[in-house]
Amino acid sequence: MPAFVNPDECTGCESCIEACPTEAISMTGDGVAKVDPDTCTDCEACLEACPTEAISMAD
């Protein structure tokens, strides 16, 4: 299951982007992180990097 970003919790700090080894995360025009499910390898590096716990694994 790919990672999922809760847009209400994301502050746009980009820590997840720096942590992602596959570059599966980008920022939307709203300043919220977005995960590309086709590129995400479920490594959970972004979960550990997110200071607001805005990222979880999708069901």
PDB file of N, CA and C in Angstrom:
ATOM      1  N   MET A   1       0.839  -1.189   0.000  1.00  0.00           N
ATOM      2  CA  MET A   1       0.000   0.000   0.000  1.00  0.00           C
ATOM      3  C   MET A   1       0.885   1.254   0.000  1.00  0.00           C
ATOM      4  N   PRO A   2       0.641   2.160  -0.918  1.00  0.00           N
ATOM      5  CA  PRO A   2       1.450   3.388  -0.949  1.00  0.00           C
ATOM      6  C   PRO A   2       1.098   4.320   0.208  1.00  0.00           C
ATOM      7  N   ALA A   3       2.029   5.218   0.469  1.00  0.00           N
ATOM      8  CA  ALA A   3       1.810   6.204   1.519  1.00  0.00           C
ATOM      9  C   ALA A   3       0.718   7.178   1.084  1.00  0.00           C
ATOM     10  N   PHE A   4       0.033   7.747   2.062  1.00  0.00           N
ATOM     11  CA  PHE A   4      -1.035   8.704   1.815  1.00  0.00           C
ATOM     12  C   PHE A   4      -0.801   9.921   2.698  1.00  0.00           C
ATOM     13  N   VAL A   5      -0.961  11.107   2.153  1.00  0.00           N
ATOM     14  CA  VAL A   5      -0.778  12.358   2.898  1.00  0.00           C
ATOM     15  C   VAL A   5      -2.140  12.925   3.269  1.00  0.00           C
ATOM     16  N   ASN A   6      -2.323  13.204   4.550  1.00  0.00           N
ATOM     17  CA  ASN A   6      -3.523  13.883   5.027  1.00  0.00           C
ATOM     18  C   ASN A   6      -3.305  15.380   4.794  1.00  0.00           C
ATOM     19  N   PRO A   7      -4.002  15.973   3.841  1.00  0.00           N
ATOM     20  CA  PRO A   7      -3.754  17.378   3.516  1.00  0.00           C
ATOM     21  C   PRO A   7      -4.070  18.341   4.660  1.00  0.00           C
ATOM     22  N   ASP A   8      -4.914  17.936   5.582  1.00  0.00           N
ATOM     23  CA  ASP A   8      -5.243  18.809   6.715  1.00  0.00           C
ATOM     24  C   ASP A   8      -4.109  18.865   7.735  1.00  0.00           C
ATOM     25  N   GLU A   9      -3.245  17.868   7.717  1.00  0.00           N
ATOM     26  CA  GLU A   9      -2.143  17.801   8.678  1.00  0.00           C
ATOM     27  C   GLU A   9      -0.806  18.250   8.090  1.00  0.00           C
ATOM     28  N   CYS A  10      -0.685  18.221   6.768  1.00  0.00           N
ATOM     29  CA  CYS A  10       0.579  18.551   6.099  1.00  0.00           C
ATOM     30  C   CYS A  10       0.849  20.055   6.177  1.00  0.00           C
ATOM     31  N   THR A  11       2.063  20.402   6.612  1.00  0.00           N
ATOM     32  CA  THR A  11       2.452  21.811   6.717  1.00  0.00           C
ATOM     33  C   THR A  11       3.309  22.267   5.536  1.00  0.00           C
ATOM     34  N   GLY A  12       3.635  21.341   4.627  1.00  0.00           N
ATOM     35  CA  GLY A  12       4.437  21.705   3.465  1.00  0.00           C
ATOM     36  C   GLY A  12       5.906  21.880   3.759  1.00  0.00           C
ATOM     37  N   CYS A  13       6.403  21.234   4.792  1.00  0.00           N
ATOM     38  CA  CYS A  13       7.809  21.413   5.189  1.00  0.00           C
ATOM     39  C   CYS A  13       8.794  20.708   4.254  1.00  0.00           C
ATOM     40  N   GLU A  14       8.320  19.779   3.436  1.00  0.00           N
ATOM     41  CA  GLU A  14       9.101  19.040   2.452  1.00  0.00           C
ATOM     42  C   GLU A  14      10.086  18.042   3.041  1.00  0.00           C
ATOM     43  N   SER A  15       9.983  17.716   4.319  1.00  0.00           N
ATOM     44  CA  SER A  15      10.858  16.711   4.922  1.00  0.00           C
ATOM     45  C   SER A  15      10.663  15.351   4.261  1.00  0.00           C
ATOM     46  N   CYS A  16       9.441  15.047   3.895  1.00  0.00           N
ATOM     47  CA  CYS A  16       9.142  13.765   3.252  1.00  0.00           C
ATOM     48  C   CYS A  16       9.795  13.667   1.876  1.00  0.00           C
ATOM     49  N   ILE A  17       9.830  14.779   1.161  1.00  0.00           N
ATOM     50  CA  ILE A  17      10.440  14.794  -0.169  1.00  0.00           C
ATOM     51  C   ILE A  17      11.922  14.467  -0.059  1.00  0.00           C
ATOM     52  N   GLU A  18      12.583  15.063   0.907  1.00  0.00           N
ATOM     53  CA  GLU A  18      14.006  14.816   1.119  1.00  0.00           C
ATOM     54  C   GLU A  18      14.267  13.377   1.548  1.00  0.00           C
ATOM     55  N   ALA A  19      13.339  12.779   2.287  1.00  0.00           N
ATOM     56  CA  ALA A  19      13.523  11.427   2.808  1.00  0.00           C
ATOM     57  C   ALA A  19      13.205  10.335   1.797  1.00  0.00           C
ATOM     58  N   CYS A  20      12.419  10.636   0.792  1.00  0.00           N
ATOM     59  CA  CYS A  20      11.951   9.614  -0.153  1.00  0.00           C
ATOM     60  C   CYS A  20      13.068   9.183  -1.103  1.00  0.00           C
ATOM     61  N   PRO A  21      13.466   7.902  -1.046  1.00  0.00           N
ATOM     62  CA  PRO A  21      14.554   7.439  -1.919  1.00  0.00           C
ATOM     63  C   PRO A  21      14.144   7.261  -3.381  1.00  0.00           C
ATOM     64  N   THR A  22      12.851   7.211  -3.665  1.00  0.00           N
ATOM     65  CA  THR A  22      12.403   7.005  -5.047  1.00  0.00           C
ATOM     66  C   THR A  22      11.808   8.260  -5.682  1.00  0.00           C
ATOM     67  N   GLU A  23      11.876   9.378  -4.976  1.00  0.00           N
ATOM     68  CA  GLU A  23      11.342  10.650  -5.461  1.00  0.00           C
ATOM     69  C   GLU A  23       9.866  10.536  -5.831  1.00  0.00           C
ATOM     70  N   ALA A  24       9.108   9.797  -5.003  1.00  0.00           N
ATOM     71  CA  ALA A  24       7.683   9.574  -5.244  1.00  0.00           C
ATOM     72  C   ALA A  24       6.807  10.687  -4.682  1.00  0.00           C
ATOM     73  N   ILE A  25       7.402  11.638  -3.989  1.00  0.00           N
ATOM     74  CA  ILE A  25       6.623  12.697  -3.340  1.00  0.00           C
ATOM     75  C   ILE A  25       6.938  14.045  -3.974  1.00  0.00           C
ATOM     76  N   SER A  26       5.887  14.801  -4.223  1.00  0.00           N
ATOM     77  CA  SER A  26       6.033  16.148  -4.764  1.00  0.00           C
ATOM     78  C   SER A  26       5.072  17.057  -4.018  1.00  0.00           C
ATOM     79  N   MET A  27       5.189  18.331  -4.274  1.00  0.00           N
ATOM     80  CA  MET A  27       4.297  19.300  -3.651  1.00  0.00           C
ATOM     81  C   MET A  27       3.232  19.726  -4.640  1.00  0.00           C
ATOM     82  N   THR A  28       2.017  19.873  -4.158  1.00  0.00           N
ATOM     83  CA  THR A  28       0.927  20.371  -4.992  1.00  0.00           C
ATOM     84  C   THR A  28       1.010  21.894  -5.032  1.00  0.00           C
ATOM     85  N   GLY A  29       0.205  22.500  -5.837  1.00  0.00           N
ATOM     86  CA  GLY A  29       0.149  23.953  -5.909  1.00  0.00           C
ATOM     87  C   GLY A  29      -0.342  24.579  -4.616  1.00  0.00           C
ATOM     88  N   ASP A  30      -1.006  23.767  -3.780  1.00  0.00           N
ATOM     89  CA  ASP A  30      -1.505  24.234  -2.484  1.00  0.00           C
ATOM     90  C   ASP A  30      -0.459  24.133  -1.381  1.00  0.00           C
ATOM     91  N   GLY A  31       0.754  23.657  -1.712  1.00  0.00           N
ATOM     92  CA  GLY A  31       1.792  23.508  -0.701  1.00  0.00           C
ATOM     93  C   GLY A  31       1.612  22.284   0.173  1.00  0.00           C
ATOM     94  N   VAL A  32       0.982  21.247  -0.372  1.00  0.00           N
ATOM     95  CA  VAL A  32       0.741  20.002   0.351  1.00  0.00           C
ATOM     96  C   VAL A  32       1.463  18.878  -0.389  1.00  0.00           C
ATOM     97  N   ALA A  33       2.079  17.981   0.361  1.00  0.00           N
ATOM     98  CA  ALA A  33       2.780  16.860  -0.256  1.00  0.00           C
ATOM     99  C   ALA A  33       1.788  15.895  -0.894  1.00  0.00           C
ATOM    100  N   LYS A  34       2.238  15.271  -1.997  1.00  0.00           N
ATOM    101  CA  LYS A  34       1.421  14.298  -2.709  1.00  0.00           C
ATOM    102  C   LYS A  34       2.314  13.116  -3.077  1.00  0.00           C
ATOM    103  N   VAL A  35       1.824  11.891  -2.845  1.00  0.00           N
ATOM    104  CA  VAL A  35       2.587  10.687  -3.139  1.00  0.00           C
ATOM    105  C   VAL A  35       2.112  10.080  -4.460  1.00  0.00           C
ATOM    106  N   ASP A  36       3.055   9.753  -5.322  1.00  0.00           N
ATOM    107  CA  ASP A  36       2.740   9.045  -6.566  1.00  0.00           C
ATOM    108  C   ASP A  36       2.704   7.550  -6.234  1.00  0.00           C
ATOM    109  N   PRO A  37       1.520   6.935  -6.254  1.00  0.00           N
ATOM    110  CA  PRO A  37       1.411   5.533  -5.845  1.00  0.00           C
ATOM    111  C   PRO A  37       2.151   4.575  -6.767  1.00  0.00           C
ATOM    112  N   ASP A  38       2.401   4.970  -8.002  1.00  0.00           N
ATOM    113  CA  ASP A  38       3.117   4.105  -8.934  1.00  0.00           C
ATOM    114  C   ASP A  38       4.623   4.091  -8.678  1.00  0.00           C
ATOM    115  N   THR A  39       5.125   5.123  -8.022  1.00  0.00           N
ATOM    116  CA  THR A  39       6.555   5.226  -7.746  1.00  0.00           C
ATOM    117  C   THR A  39       6.885   4.823  -6.305  1.00  0.00           C
ATOM    118  N   CYS A  40       5.931   4.959  -5.404  1.00  0.00           N
ATOM    119  CA  CYS A  40       6.121   4.644  -3.985  1.00  0.00           C
ATOM    120  C   CYS A  40       6.426   3.155  -3.804  1.00  0.00           C
ATOM    121  N   THR A  41       7.466   2.861  -3.025  1.00  0.00           N
ATOM    122  CA  THR A  41       7.854   1.464  -2.763  1.00  0.00           C
ATOM    123  C   THR A  41       7.482   1.015  -1.358  1.00  0.00           C
ATOM    124  N   ASP A  42       6.706   1.791  -0.646  1.00  0.00           N
ATOM    125  CA  ASP A  42       6.238   1.450   0.705  1.00  0.00           C
ATOM    126  C   ASP A  42       7.373   1.314   1.712  1.00  0.00           C
ATOM    127  N   CYS A  43       8.437   2.066   1.550  1.00  0.00           N
ATOM    128  CA  CYS A  43       9.588   1.948   2.454  1.00  0.00           C
ATOM    129  C   CYS A  43       9.343   2.630   3.797  1.00  0.00           C
ATOM    130  N   GLU A  44       8.357   3.504   3.862  1.00  0.00           N
ATOM    131  CA  GLU A  44       7.955   4.233   5.065  1.00  0.00           C
ATOM    132  C   GLU A  44       8.961   5.273   5.551  1.00  0.00           C
ATOM    133  N   ALA A  45       9.933   5.644   4.714  1.00  0.00           N
ATOM    134  CA  ALA A  45      10.896   6.682   5.096  1.00  0.00           C
ATOM    135  C   ALA A  45      10.193   8.014   5.335  1.00  0.00           C
ATOM    136  N   CYS A  46       9.164   8.286   4.559  1.00  0.00           N
ATOM    137  CA  CYS A  46       8.436   9.550   4.695  1.00  0.00           C
ATOM    138  C   CYS A  46       7.656   9.604   6.009  1.00  0.00           C
ATOM    139  N   LEU A  47       7.140   8.466   6.452  1.00  0.00           N
ATOM    140  CA  LEU A  47       6.407   8.419   7.716  1.00  0.00           C
ATOM    141  C   LEU A  47       7.305   8.852   8.866  1.00  0.00           C
ATOM    142  N   GLU A  48       8.535   8.354   8.852  1.00  0.00           N
ATOM    143  CA  GLU A  48       9.491   8.688   9.906  1.00  0.00           C
ATOM    144  C   GLU A  48       9.946  10.140   9.817  1.00  0.00           C
ATOM    145  N   ALA A  49       9.997  10.681   8.602  1.00  0.00           N
ATOM    146  CA  ALA A  49      10.495  12.043   8.401  1.00  0.00           C
ATOM    147  C   ALA A  49       9.459  13.115   8.695  1.00  0.00           C
ATOM    148  N   CYS A  50       8.180  12.781   8.637  1.00  0.00           N
ATOM    149  CA  CYS A  50       7.127  13.785   8.783  1.00  0.00           C
ATOM    150  C   CYS A  50       6.965  14.223  10.240  1.00  0.00           C
ATOM    151  N   PRO A  51       7.216  15.498  10.520  1.00  0.00           N
ATOM    152  CA  PRO A  51       7.124  15.975  11.914  1.00  0.00           C
ATOM    153  C   PRO A  51       5.688  16.109  12.429  1.00  0.00           C
ATOM    154  N   THR A  52       4.701  16.148  11.530  1.00  0.00           N
ATOM    155  CA  THR A  52       3.315  16.305  11.962  1.00  0.00           C
ATOM    156  C   THR A  52       2.509  15.011  11.853  1.00  0.00           C
ATOM    157  N   GLU A  53       3.191  13.922  11.463  1.00  0.00           N
ATOM    158  CA  GLU A  53       2.537  12.622  11.294  1.00  0.00           C
ATOM    159  C   GLU A  53       1.362  12.708  10.311  1.00  0.00           C
ATOM    160  N   ALA A  54       1.549  13.502   9.247  1.00  0.00           N
ATOM    161  CA  ALA A  54       0.508  13.681   8.243  1.00  0.00           C
ATOM    162  C   ALA A  54       0.469  12.542   7.228  1.00  0.00           C
ATOM    163  N   ILE A  55       1.483  11.679   7.275  1.00  0.00           N
ATOM    164  CA  ILE A  55       1.572  10.592   6.295  1.00  0.00           C
ATOM    165  C   ILE A  55       1.271   9.262   6.968  1.00  0.00           C
ATOM    166  N   SER A  56       0.476   8.455   6.277  1.00  0.00           N
ATOM    167  CA  SER A  56       0.176   7.108   6.760  1.00  0.00           C
ATOM    168  C   SER A  56       0.181   6.176   5.559  1.00  0.00           C
ATOM    169  N   MET A  57       0.136   4.904   5.830  1.00  0.00           N
ATOM    170  CA  MET A  57       0.069   3.930   4.742  1.00  0.00           C
ATOM    171  C   MET A  57      -1.402   3.744   4.380  1.00  0.00           C
ATOM    172  N   ALA A  58      -1.701   3.854   3.090  1.00  0.00           N
ATOM    173  CA  ALA A  58      -3.075   3.714   2.604  1.00  0.00           C
ATOM    174  C   ALA A  58      -3.561   2.288   2.790  1.00  0.00           C
ATOM    175  N   ASP A  59      -4.849   2.142   3.001  1.00  0.00           N
ATOM    176  CA  ASP A  59      -5.430   0.799   3.138  1.00  0.00           C
ATOM    177  C   ASP A  59      -5.841   0.254   1.812  1.00  0.00           C
TER     178      ASP A  59
END
